[in-house]
Amino acid sequence: MRPEVLALVAERIKALGEPARLQILGALHDGTKSVSELAEQTGLGQANASKHLQLLHSLGFVARHKEGLHVFYSLADESVFTLCDVACGGIQLQLDARLRALAS
């Protein structure tokens, strides 16, 4: 891959390193939500949720549309959950190995 492409890939992966963004993506897995709904569901403040949503939108993870005064977000790239499943699976394997080592 060209360095420019690698930089974009790294930027997308870096964005997923923030737990609040993972919370937002998880909340959107159930369907389209407004910023207020996402803030309530994640426990984030509305301004904080908006900041994270702006980044997720700029990187192509979420789509948005406006209805009157409200902005609604939805998943634009559900393949992000494949990446999360791989990462979580690896963490689970490490945890299982540690628990087995402690038990013996």
PDB file of N, CA and C in Angstrom:
ATOM      1  N   MET A   1       0.836  -1.188   0.000  1.00  0.00           N
ATOM      2  CA  MET A   1       0.000   0.000   0.000  1.00  0.00           C
ATOM      3  C   MET A   1       0.880   1.251   0.000  1.00  0.00           C
ATOM      4  N   ARG A   2       0.343   2.263  -0.641  1.00  0.00           N
ATOM      5  CA  ARG A   2       1.048   3.540  -0.668  1.00  0.00           C
ATOM      6  C   ARG A   2       0.983   4.193   0.707  1.00  0.00           C
ATOM      7  N   PRO A   3       1.975   5.017   1.019  1.00  0.00           N
ATOM      8  CA  PRO A   3       2.007   5.677   2.335  1.00  0.00           C
ATOM      9  C   PRO A   3       0.747   6.493   2.635  1.00  0.00           C
ATOM     10  N   GLU A   4       0.154   7.123   1.619  1.00  0.00           N
ATOM     11  CA  GLU A   4      -1.059   7.923   1.840  1.00  0.00           C
ATOM     12  C   GLU A   4      -2.215   7.038   2.283  1.00  0.00           C
ATOM     13  N   VAL A   5      -2.314   5.868   1.673  1.00  0.00           N
ATOM     14  CA  VAL A   5      -3.386   4.933   2.031  1.00  0.00           C
ATOM     15  C   VAL A   5      -3.153   4.400   3.435  1.00  0.00           C
ATOM     16  N   LEU A   6      -1.910   4.054   3.746  1.00  0.00           N
ATOM     17  CA  LEU A   6      -1.583   3.571   5.089  1.00  0.00           C
ATOM     18  C   LEU A   6      -1.920   4.617   6.143  1.00  0.00           C
ATOM     19  N   ALA A   7      -1.674   5.881   5.833  1.00  0.00           N
ATOM     20  CA  ALA A   7      -1.998   6.955   6.774  1.00  0.00           C
ATOM     21  C   ALA A   7      -3.501   7.024   7.027  1.00  0.00           C
ATOM     22  N   LEU A   8      -4.304   6.854   5.974  1.00  0.00           N
ATOM     23  CA  LEU A   8      -5.760   6.862   6.143  1.00  0.00           C
ATOM     24  C   LEU A   8      -6.236   5.669   6.967  1.00  0.00           C
ATOM     25  N   VAL A   9      -5.662   4.502   6.713  1.00  0.00           N
ATOM     26  CA  VAL A   9      -6.012   3.307   7.483  1.00  0.00           C
ATOM     27  C   VAL A   9      -5.660   3.527   8.955  1.00  0.00           C
ATOM     28  N   ALA A  10      -4.475   4.048   9.210  1.00  0.00           N
ATOM     29  CA  ALA A  10      -4.041   4.296  10.585  1.00  0.00           C
ATOM     30  C   ALA A  10      -4.969   5.303  11.284  1.00  0.00           C
ATOM     31  N   GLU A  11      -5.407   6.314  10.554  1.00  0.00           N
ATOM     32  CA  GLU A  11      -6.305   7.321  11.126  1.00  0.00           C
ATOM     33  C   GLU A  11      -7.637   6.695  11.530  1.00  0.00           C
ATOM     34  N   ARG A  12      -8.161   5.810  10.679  1.00  0.00           N
ATOM     35  CA  ARG A  12      -9.433   5.132  10.998  1.00  0.00           C
ATOM     36  C   ARG A  12      -9.279   4.222  12.203  1.00  0.00           C
ATOM     37  N   ILE A  13      -8.176   3.476  12.264  1.00  0.00           N
ATOM     38  CA  ILE A  13      -7.959   2.581  13.392  1.00  0.00           C
ATOM     39  C   ILE A  13      -7.760   3.385  14.672  1.00  0.00           C
ATOM     40  N   LYS A  14      -7.034   4.473  14.589  1.00  0.00           N
ATOM     41  CA  LYS A  14      -6.806   5.339  15.749  1.00  0.00           C
ATOM     42  C   LYS A  14      -8.132   5.855  16.306  1.00  0.00           C
ATOM     43  N   ALA A  15      -9.059   6.206  15.437  1.00  0.00           N
ATOM     44  CA  ALA A  15     -10.360   6.722  15.875  1.00  0.00           C
ATOM     45  C   ALA A  15     -11.114   5.686  16.709  1.00  0.00           C
ATOM     46  N   LEU A  16     -10.888   4.412  16.429  1.00  0.00           N
ATOM     47  CA  LEU A  16     -11.576   3.357  17.162  1.00  0.00           C
ATOM     48  C   LEU A  16     -10.916   3.076  18.513  1.00  0.00           C
ATOM     49  N   GLY A  17      -9.815   3.727  18.805  1.00  0.00           N
ATOM     50  CA  GLY A  17      -9.132   3.554  20.071  1.00  0.00           C
ATOM     51  C   GLY A  17      -9.765   4.340  21.211  1.00  0.00           C
ATOM     52  N   GLU A  18     -10.812   5.068  20.937  1.00  0.00           N
ATOM     53  CA  GLU A  18     -11.505   5.875  21.942  1.00  0.00           C
ATOM     54  C   GLU A  18     -12.780   5.146  22.379  1.00  0.00           C
ATOM     55  N   PRO A  19     -12.875   4.740  23.653  1.00  0.00           N
ATOM     56  CA  PRO A  19     -14.059   3.995  24.113  1.00  0.00           C
ATOM     57  C   PRO A  19     -15.390   4.691  23.835  1.00  0.00           C
ATOM     58  N   ALA A  20     -15.432   6.007  23.926  1.00  0.00           N
ATOM     59  CA  ALA A  20     -16.691   6.720  23.677  1.00  0.00           C
ATOM     60  C   ALA A  20     -17.158   6.513  22.237  1.00  0.00           C
ATOM     61  N   ARG A  21     -16.225   6.478  21.300  1.00  0.00           N
ATOM     62  CA  ARG A  21     -16.606   6.270  19.904  1.00  0.00           C
ATOM     63  C   ARG A  21     -17.115   4.852  19.693  1.00  0.00           C
ATOM     64  N   LEU A  22     -16.519   3.898  20.377  1.00  0.00           N
ATOM     65  CA  LEU A  22     -17.001   2.513  20.284  1.00  0.00           C
ATOM     66  C   LEU A  22     -18.401   2.404  20.881  1.00  0.00           C
ATOM     67  N   GLN A  23     -18.652   3.140  21.965  1.00  0.00           N
ATOM     68  CA  GLN A  23     -19.994   3.169  22.553  1.00  0.00           C
ATOM     69  C   GLN A  23     -21.008   3.707  21.550  1.00  0.00           C
ATOM     70  N   ILE A  24     -20.649   4.779  20.882  1.00  0.00           N
ATOM     71  CA  ILE A  24     -21.546   5.402  19.904  1.00  0.00           C
ATOM     72  C   ILE A  24     -21.827   4.430  18.768  1.00  0.00           C
ATOM     73  N   LEU A  25     -20.787   3.806  18.249  1.00  0.00           N
ATOM     74  CA  LEU A  25     -20.988   2.845  17.155  1.00  0.00           C
ATOM     75  C   LEU A  25     -21.866   1.685  17.606  1.00  0.00           C
ATOM     76  N   GLY A  26     -21.642   1.220  18.826  1.00  0.00           N
ATOM     77  CA  GLY A  26     -22.481   0.143  19.361  1.00  0.00           C
ATOM     78  C   GLY A  26     -23.937   0.560  19.470  1.00  0.00           C
ATOM     79  N   ALA A  27     -24.172   1.797  19.903  1.00  0.00           N
ATOM     80  CA  ALA A  27     -25.543   2.302  20.021  1.00  0.00           C
ATOM     81  C   ALA A  27     -26.206   2.419  18.647  1.00  0.00           C
ATOM     82  N   LEU A  28     -25.419   2.751  17.637  1.00  0.00           N
ATOM     83  CA  LEU A  28     -25.975   2.882  16.282  1.00  0.00           C
ATOM     84  C   LEU A  28     -26.211   1.527  15.621  1.00  0.00           C
ATOM     85  N   HIS A  29     -25.668   0.473  16.211  1.00  0.00           N
ATOM     86  CA  HIS A  29     -25.879  -0.867  15.657  1.00  0.00           C
ATOM     87  C   HIS A  29     -27.363  -1.204  15.641  1.00  0.00           C
ATOM     88  N   ASP A  30     -28.131  -0.618  16.580  1.00  0.00           N
ATOM     89  CA  ASP A  30     -29.573  -0.862  16.664  1.00  0.00           C
ATOM     90  C   ASP A  30     -30.385  -0.007  15.703  1.00  0.00           C
ATOM     91  N   GLY A  31     -29.763   0.969  15.048  1.00  0.00           N
ATOM     92  CA  GLY A  31     -30.481   1.809  14.104  1.00  0.00           C
ATOM     93  C   GLY A  31     -30.170   3.290  14.275  1.00  0.00           C
ATOM     94  N   THR A  32     -30.783   4.082  13.441  1.00  0.00           N
ATOM     95  CA  THR A  32     -30.572   5.528  13.393  1.00  0.00           C
ATOM     96  C   THR A  32     -31.000   6.177  14.699  1.00  0.00           C
ATOM     97  N   LYS A  33     -30.190   7.142  15.143  1.00  0.00           N
ATOM     98  CA  LYS A  33     -30.496   7.854  16.384  1.00  0.00           C
ATOM     99  C   LYS A  33     -30.088   9.324  16.254  1.00  0.00           C
ATOM    100  N   SER A  34     -30.761  10.161  17.021  1.00  0.00           N
ATOM    101  CA  SER A  34     -30.393  11.577  17.095  1.00  0.00           C
ATOM    102  C   SER A  34     -29.217  11.732  18.057  1.00  0.00           C
ATOM    103  N   VAL A  35     -28.608  12.904  18.018  1.00  0.00           N
ATOM    104  CA  VAL A  35     -27.504  13.184  18.936  1.00  0.00           C
ATOM    105  C   VAL A  35     -27.991  13.072  20.378  1.00  0.00           C
ATOM    106  N   SER A  36     -29.174  13.572  20.654  1.00  0.00           N
ATOM    107  CA  SER A  36     -29.730  13.515  22.012  1.00  0.00           C
ATOM    108  C   SER A  36     -29.912  12.072  22.468  1.00  0.00           C
ATOM    109  N   GLU A  37     -30.433  11.234  21.595  1.00  0.00           N
ATOM    110  CA  GLU A  37     -30.627   9.819  21.938  1.00  0.00           C
ATOM    111  C   GLU A  37     -29.290   9.130  22.195  1.00  0.00           C
ATOM    112  N   LEU A  38     -28.297   9.447  21.359  1.00  0.00           N
ATOM    113  CA  LEU A  38     -26.973   8.842  21.542  1.00  0.00           C
ATOM    114  C   LEU A  38     -26.331   9.310  22.841  1.00  0.00           C
ATOM    115  N   ALA A  39     -26.475  10.596  23.154  1.00  0.00           N
ATOM    116  CA  ALA A  39     -25.919  11.128  24.398  1.00  0.00           C
ATOM    117  C   ALA A  39     -26.559  10.435  25.592  1.00  0.00           C
ATOM    118  N   GLU A  40     -27.863  10.280  25.547  1.00  0.00           N
ATOM    119  CA  GLU A  40     -28.575   9.628  26.647  1.00  0.00           C
ATOM    120  C   GLU A  40     -28.170   8.158  26.776  1.00  0.00           C
ATOM    121  N   GLN A  41     -28.101   7.463  25.660  1.00  0.00           N
ATOM    122  CA  GLN A  41     -27.797   6.033  25.678  1.00  0.00           C
ATOM    123  C   GLN A  41     -26.357   5.756  26.123  1.00  0.00           C
ATOM    124  N   THR A  42     -25.429   6.633  25.783  1.00  0.00           N
ATOM    125  CA  THR A  42     -24.019   6.404  26.109  1.00  0.00           C
ATOM    126  C   THR A  42     -23.580   7.070  27.406  1.00  0.00           C
ATOM    127  N   GLY A  43     -24.377   8.013  27.900  1.00  0.00           N
ATOM    128  CA  GLY A  43     -23.984   8.748  29.096  1.00  0.00           C
ATOM    129  C   GLY A  43     -23.029   9.895  28.805  1.00  0.00           C
ATOM    130  N   LEU A  44     -22.783  10.155  27.541  1.00  0.00           N
ATOM    131  CA  LEU A  44     -21.920  11.271  27.148  1.00  0.00           C
ATOM    132  C   LEU A  44     -22.738  12.557  27.141  1.00  0.00           C
ATOM    133  N   GLY A  45     -22.086  13.684  27.343  1.00  0.00           N
ATOM    134  CA  GLY A  45     -22.764  14.954  27.161  1.00  0.00           C
ATOM    135  C   GLY A  45     -23.054  15.160  25.684  1.00  0.00           C
ATOM    136  N   GLN A  46     -24.054  15.963  25.395  1.00  0.00           N
ATOM    137  CA  GLN A  46     -24.443  16.172  24.002  1.00  0.00           C
ATOM    138  C   GLN A  46     -23.314  16.782  23.175  1.00  0.00           C
ATOM    139  N   ALA A  47     -22.592  17.743  23.740  1.00  0.00           N
ATOM    140  CA  ALA A  47     -21.481  18.364  23.005  1.00  0.00           C
ATOM    141  C   ALA A  47     -20.362  17.356  22.754  1.00  0.00           C
ATOM    142  N   ASN A  48     -20.076  16.529  23.746  1.00  0.00           N
ATOM    143  CA  ASN A  48     -19.039  15.515  23.606  1.00  0.00           C
ATOM    144  C   ASN A  48     -19.439  14.479  22.555  1.00  0.00           C
ATOM    145  N   ALA A  49     -20.688  14.030  22.600  1.00  0.00           N
ATOM    146  CA  ALA A  49     -21.175  13.068  21.612  1.00  0.00           C
ATOM    147  C   ALA A  49     -21.090  13.673  20.207  1.00  0.00           C
ATOM    148  N   SER A  50     -21.469  14.927  20.074  1.00  0.00           N
ATOM    149  CA  SER A  50     -21.411  15.595  18.767  1.00  0.00           C
ATOM    150  C   SER A  50     -19.990  15.654  18.233  1.00  0.00           C
ATOM    151  N   LYS A  51     -19.039  15.925  19.115  1.00  0.00           N
ATOM    152  CA  LYS A  51     -17.628  15.996  18.717  1.00  0.00           C
ATOM    153  C   LYS A  51     -17.168  14.635  18.174  1.00  0.00           C
ATOM    154  N   HIS A  52     -17.507  13.569  18.883  1.00  0.00           N
ATOM    155  CA  HIS A  52     -17.118  12.226  18.439  1.00  0.00           C
ATOM    156  C   HIS A  52     -17.833  11.843  17.138  1.00  0.00           C
ATOM    157  N   LEU A  53     -19.098  12.208  17.036  1.00  0.00           N
ATOM    158  CA  LEU A  53     -19.863  11.906  15.821  1.00  0.00           C
ATOM    159  C   LEU A  53     -19.287  12.635  14.614  1.00  0.00           C
ATOM    160  N   GLN A  54     -18.831  13.851  14.809  1.00  0.00           N
ATOM    161  CA  GLN A  54     -18.233  14.608  13.707  1.00  0.00           C
ATOM    162  C   GLN A  54     -17.003  13.876  13.167  1.00  0.00           C
ATOM    163  N   LEU A  55     -16.161  13.375  14.067  1.00  0.00           N
ATOM    164  CA  LEU A  55     -14.979  12.633  13.636  1.00  0.00           C
ATOM    165  C   LEU A  55     -15.370  11.323  12.950  1.00  0.00           C
ATOM    166  N   LEU A  56     -16.307  10.591  13.545  1.00  0.00           N
ATOM    167  CA  LEU A  56     -16.749   9.325  12.947  1.00  0.00           C
ATOM    168  C   LEU A  56     -17.349   9.558  11.560  1.00  0.00           C
ATOM    169  N   HIS A  57     -18.034  10.669  11.401  1.00  0.00           N
ATOM    170  CA  HIS A  57     -18.603  11.016  10.091  1.00  0.00           C
ATOM    171  C   HIS A  57     -17.498  11.350   9.096  1.00  0.00           C
ATOM    172  N   SER A  58     -16.529  12.133   9.525  1.00  0.00           N
ATOM    173  CA  SER A  58     -15.453  12.545   8.607  1.00  0.00           C
ATOM    174  C   SER A  58     -14.626  11.353   8.134  1.00  0.00           C
ATOM    175  N   LEU A  59     -14.579  10.299   8.938  1.00  0.00           N
ATOM    176  CA  LEU A  59     -13.816   9.100   8.573  1.00  0.00           C
ATOM    177  C   LEU A  59     -14.675   8.045   7.876  1.00  0.00           C
ATOM    178  N   GLY A  60     -15.955   8.341   7.688  1.00  0.00           N
ATOM    179  CA  GLY A  60     -16.821   7.446   6.932  1.00  0.00           C
ATOM    180  C   GLY A  60     -17.455   6.317   7.722  1.00  0.00           C
ATOM    181  N   PHE A  61     -17.380   6.378   9.043  1.00  0.00           N
ATOM    182  CA  PHE A  61     -18.003   5.339   9.863  1.00  0.00           C
ATOM    183  C   PHE A  61     -19.502   5.538  10.003  1.00  0.00           C
ATOM    184  N   VAL A  62     -19.945   6.795  10.048  1.00  0.00           N
ATOM    185  CA  VAL A  62     -21.367   7.086  10.213  1.00  0.00           C
ATOM    186  C   VAL A  62     -21.845   8.046   9.123  1.00  0.00           C
ATOM    187  N   ALA A  63     -23.132   7.939   8.837  1.00  0.00           N
ATOM    188  CA  ALA A  63     -23.802   8.863   7.916  1.00  0.00           C
ATOM    189  C   ALA A  63     -24.728   9.733   8.752  1.00  0.00           C
ATOM    190  N   ARG A  64     -25.086  10.898   8.225  1.00  0.00           N
ATOM    191  CA  ARG A  64     -25.997  11.769   8.958  1.00  0.00           C
ATOM    192  C   ARG A  64     -26.979  12.428   8.001  1.00  0.00           C
ATOM    193  N   HIS A  65     -28.137  12.737   8.552  1.00  0.00           N
ATOM    194  CA  HIS A  65     -29.111  13.527   7.806  1.00  0.00           C
ATOM    195  C   HIS A  65     -29.857  14.407   8.799  1.00  0.00           C
ATOM    196  N   LYS A  66     -30.357  15.509   8.282  1.00  0.00           N
ATOM    197  CA  LYS A  66     -31.014  16.499   9.121  1.00  0.00           C
ATOM    198  C   LYS A  66     -32.508  16.476   8.848  1.00  0.00           C
ATOM    199  N   GLU A  67     -33.277  16.545   9.936  1.00  0.00           N
ATOM    200  CA  GLU A  67     -34.727  16.680   9.858  1.00  0.00           C
ATOM    201  C   GLU A  67     -35.111  17.844  10.765  1.00  0.00           C
ATOM    202  N   GLY A  68     -35.420  18.961  10.159  1.00  0.00           N
ATOM    203  CA  GLY A  68     -35.718  20.154  10.948  1.00  0.00           C
ATOM    204  C   GLY A  68     -34.485  20.596  11.709  1.00  0.00           C
ATOM    205  N   LEU A  69     -34.612  20.689  13.024  1.00  0.00           N
ATOM    206  CA  LEU A  69     -33.491  21.109  13.857  1.00  0.00           C
ATOM    207  C   LEU A  69     -32.648  19.941  14.352  1.00  0.00           C
ATOM    208  N   HIS A  70     -33.077  18.728  14.068  1.00  0.00           N
ATOM    209  CA  HIS A  70     -32.400  17.540  14.594  1.00  0.00           C
ATOM    210  C   HIS A  70     -31.518  16.870  13.547  1.00  0.00           C
ATOM    211  N   VAL A  71     -30.367  16.383  13.996  1.00  0.00           N
ATOM    212  CA  VAL A  71     -29.459  15.631  13.137  1.00  0.00           C
ATOM    213  C   VAL A  71     -29.503  14.181  13.591  1.00  0.00           C
ATOM    214  N   PHE A  72     -29.673  13.287  12.624  1.00  0.00           N
ATOM    215  CA  PHE A  72     -29.750  11.858  12.907  1.00  0.00           C
ATOM    216  C   PHE A  72     -28.553  11.153  12.289  1.00  0.00           C
ATOM    217  N   TYR A  73     -28.037  10.180  13.030  1.00  0.00           N
ATOM    218  CA  TYR A  73     -26.859   9.428  12.598  1.00  0.00           C
ATOM    219  C   TYR A  73     -27.211   7.962  12.438  1.00  0.00           C
ATOM    220  N   SER A  74     -26.530   7.337  11.483  1.00  0.00           N
ATOM    221  CA  SER A  74     -26.668   5.895  11.258  1.00  0.00           C
ATOM    222  C   SER A  74     -25.299   5.357  10.852  1.00  0.00           C
ATOM    223  N   LEU A  75     -25.167   4.060  10.892  1.00  0.00           N
ATOM    224  CA  LEU A  75     -23.908   3.435  10.474  1.00  0.00           C
ATOM    225  C   LEU A  75     -23.758   3.551   8.968  1.00  0.00           C
ATOM    226  N   ALA A  76     -22.587   3.944   8.537  1.00  0.00           N
ATOM    227  CA  ALA A  76     -22.287   4.009   7.107  1.00  0.00           C
ATOM    228  C   ALA A  76     -21.405   2.843   6.700  1.00  0.00           C
ATOM    229  N   ASP A  77     -20.729   2.244   7.683  1.00  0.00           N
ATOM    230  CA  ASP A  77     -19.775   1.172   7.388  1.00  0.00           C
ATOM    231  C   ASP A  77     -19.866   0.123   8.492  1.00  0.00           C
ATOM    232  N   GLU A  78     -20.724  -0.857   8.293  1.00  0.00           N
ATOM    233  CA  GLU A  78     -20.919  -1.886   9.313  1.00  0.00           C
ATOM    234  C   GLU A  78     -19.740  -2.844   9.419  1.00  0.00           C
ATOM    235  N   SER A  79     -18.807  -2.770   8.480  1.00  0.00           N
ATOM    236  CA  SER A  79     -17.635  -3.642   8.568  1.00  0.00           C
ATOM    237  C   SER A  79     -16.780  -3.305   9.781  1.00  0.00           C
ATOM    238  N   VAL A  80     -17.025  -2.153  10.410  1.00  0.00           N
ATOM    239  CA  VAL A  80     -16.288  -1.793  11.615  1.00  0.00           C
ATOM    240  C   VAL A  80     -16.508  -2.848  12.697  1.00  0.00           C
ATOM    241  N   PHE A  81     -17.657  -3.503  12.697  1.00  0.00           N
ATOM    242  CA  PHE A  81     -17.925  -4.522  13.714  1.00  0.00           C
ATOM    243  C   PHE A  81     -17.110  -5.789  13.477  1.00  0.00           C
ATOM    244  N   THR A  82     -16.726  -6.043  12.246  1.00  0.00           N
ATOM    245  CA  THR A  82     -15.835  -7.172  11.965  1.00  0.00           C
ATOM    246  C   THR A  82     -14.485  -6.914  12.620  1.00  0.00           C
ATOM    247  N   LEU A  83     -13.984  -5.710  12.478  1.00  0.00           N
ATOM    248  CA  LEU A  83     -12.717  -5.340  13.108  1.00  0.00           C
ATOM    249  C   LEU A  83     -12.819  -5.435  14.628  1.00  0.00           C
ATOM    250  N   CYS A  84     -13.920  -4.960  15.180  1.00  0.00           N
ATOM    251  CA  CYS A  84     -14.118  -5.021  16.627  1.00  0.00           C
ATOM    252  C   CYS A  84     -14.209  -6.477  17.100  1.00  0.00           C
ATOM    253  N   ASP A  85     -14.885  -7.330  16.332  1.00  0.00           N
ATOM    254  CA  ASP A  85     -14.984  -8.746  16.692  1.00  0.00           C
ATOM    255  C   ASP A  85     -13.617  -9.406  16.708  1.00  0.00           C
ATOM    256  N   VAL A  86     -12.779  -9.078  15.748  1.00  0.00           N
ATOM    257  CA  VAL A  86     -11.423  -9.643  15.703  1.00  0.00           C
ATOM    258  C   VAL A  86     -10.628  -9.177  16.924  1.00  0.00           C
ATOM    259  N   ALA A  87     -10.694  -7.885  17.225  1.00  0.00           N
ATOM    260  CA  ALA A  87      -9.953  -7.348  18.370  1.00  0.00           C
ATOM    261  C   ALA A  87     -10.464  -7.946  19.678  1.00  0.00           C
ATOM    262  N   CYS A  88     -11.769  -8.026  19.826  1.00  0.00           N
ATOM    263  CA  CYS A  88     -12.342  -8.576  21.058  1.00  0.00           C
ATOM    264  C   CYS A  88     -12.037 -10.062  21.192  1.00  0.00           C
ATOM    265  N   GLY A  89     -12.045 -10.776  20.079  1.00  0.00           N
ATOM    266  CA  GLY A  89     -11.713 -12.194  20.108  1.00  0.00           C
ATOM    267  C   GLY A  89     -10.292 -12.414  20.587  1.00  0.00           C
ATOM    268  N   GLY A  90      -9.378 -11.581  20.128  1.00  0.00           N
ATOM    269  CA  GLY A  90      -7.993 -11.673  20.561  1.00  0.00           C
ATOM    270  C   GLY A  90      -7.845 -11.384  22.046  1.00  0.00           C
ATOM    271  N   ILE A  91      -8.580 -10.409  22.519  1.00  0.00           N
ATOM    272  CA  ILE A  91      -8.545 -10.074  23.944  1.00  0.00           C
ATOM    273  C   ILE A  91      -9.101 -11.228  24.764  1.00  0.00           C
ATOM    274  N   GLN A  92     -10.174 -11.838  24.299  1.00  0.00           N
ATOM    275  CA  GLN A  92     -10.779 -12.965  25.010  1.00  0.00           C
ATOM    276  C   GLN A  92      -9.817 -14.144  25.078  1.00  0.00           C
ATOM    277  N   LEU A  93      -9.087 -14.408  23.988  1.00  0.00           N
ATOM    278  CA  LEU A  93      -8.099 -15.497  23.992  1.00  0.00           C
ATOM    279  C   LEU A  93      -7.003 -15.231  25.017  1.00  0.00           C
ATOM    280  N   GLN A  94      -6.519 -14.002  25.092  1.00  0.00           N
ATOM    281  CA  GLN A  94      -5.486 -13.646  26.073  1.00  0.00           C
ATOM    282  C   GLN A  94      -6.011 -13.789  27.498  1.00  0.00           C
ATOM    283  N   LEU A  95      -7.230 -13.342  27.725  1.00  0.00           N
ATOM    284  CA  LEU A  95      -7.830 -13.439  29.060  1.00  0.00           C
ATOM    285  C   LEU A  95      -7.991 -14.898  29.466  1.00  0.00           C
ATOM    286  N   ASP A  96      -8.483 -15.720  28.549  1.00  0.00           N
ATOM    287  CA  ASP A  96      -8.644 -17.149  28.839  1.00  0.00           C
ATOM    288  C   ASP A  96      -7.317 -17.793  29.184  1.00  0.00           C
ATOM    289  N   ALA A  97      -6.260 -17.460  28.445  1.00  0.00           N
ATOM    290  CA  ALA A  97      -4.927 -18.027  28.707  1.00  0.00           C
ATOM    291  C   ALA A  97      -4.427 -17.598  30.086  1.00  0.00           C
ATOM    292  N   ARG A  98      -4.635 -16.348  30.448  1.00  0.00           N
ATOM    293  CA  ARG A  98      -4.204 -15.861  31.766  1.00  0.00           C
ATOM    294  C   ARG A  98      -4.970 -16.553  32.888  1.00  0.00           C
ATOM    295  N   LEU A  99      -6.261 -16.738  32.687  1.00  0.00           N
ATOM    296  CA  LEU A  99      -7.062 -17.408  33.703  1.00  0.00           C
ATOM    297  C   LEU A  99      -6.629 -18.865  33.869  1.00  0.00           C
ATOM    298  N   ARG A 100      -6.303 -19.537  32.776  1.00  0.00           N
ATOM    299  CA  ARG A 100      -5.819 -20.918  32.857  1.00  0.00           C
ATOM    300  C   ARG A 100      -4.476 -20.969  33.586  1.00  0.00           C
ATOM    301  N   ALA A 101      -3.598 -19.991  33.296  1.00  0.00           N
ATOM    302  CA  ALA A 101      -2.287 -19.952  33.953  1.00  0.00           C
ATOM    303  C   ALA A 101      -2.443 -19.716  35.454  1.00  0.00           C
ATOM    304  N   LEU A 102      -3.367 -18.863  35.850  1.00  0.00           N
ATOM    305  CA  LEU A 102      -3.593 -18.596  37.264  1.00  0.00           C
ATOM    306  C   LEU A 102      -4.204 -19.807  37.981  1.00  0.00           C
ATOM    307  N   ALA A 103      -5.014 -20.567  37.259  1.00  0.00           N
ATOM    308  CA  ALA A 103      -5.685 -21.725  37.860  1.00  0.00           C
ATOM    309  C   ALA A 103      -4.696 -22.873  38.097  1.00  0.00           C
ATOM    310  N   SER A 104      -3.604 -22.910  37.327  1.00  0.00           N
ATOM    311  CA  SER A 104      -2.673 -24.043  37.495  1.00  0.00           C
ATOM    312  C   SER A 104      -1.535 -23.750  38.425  1.00  0.00           C
TER     313      SER A 104
END
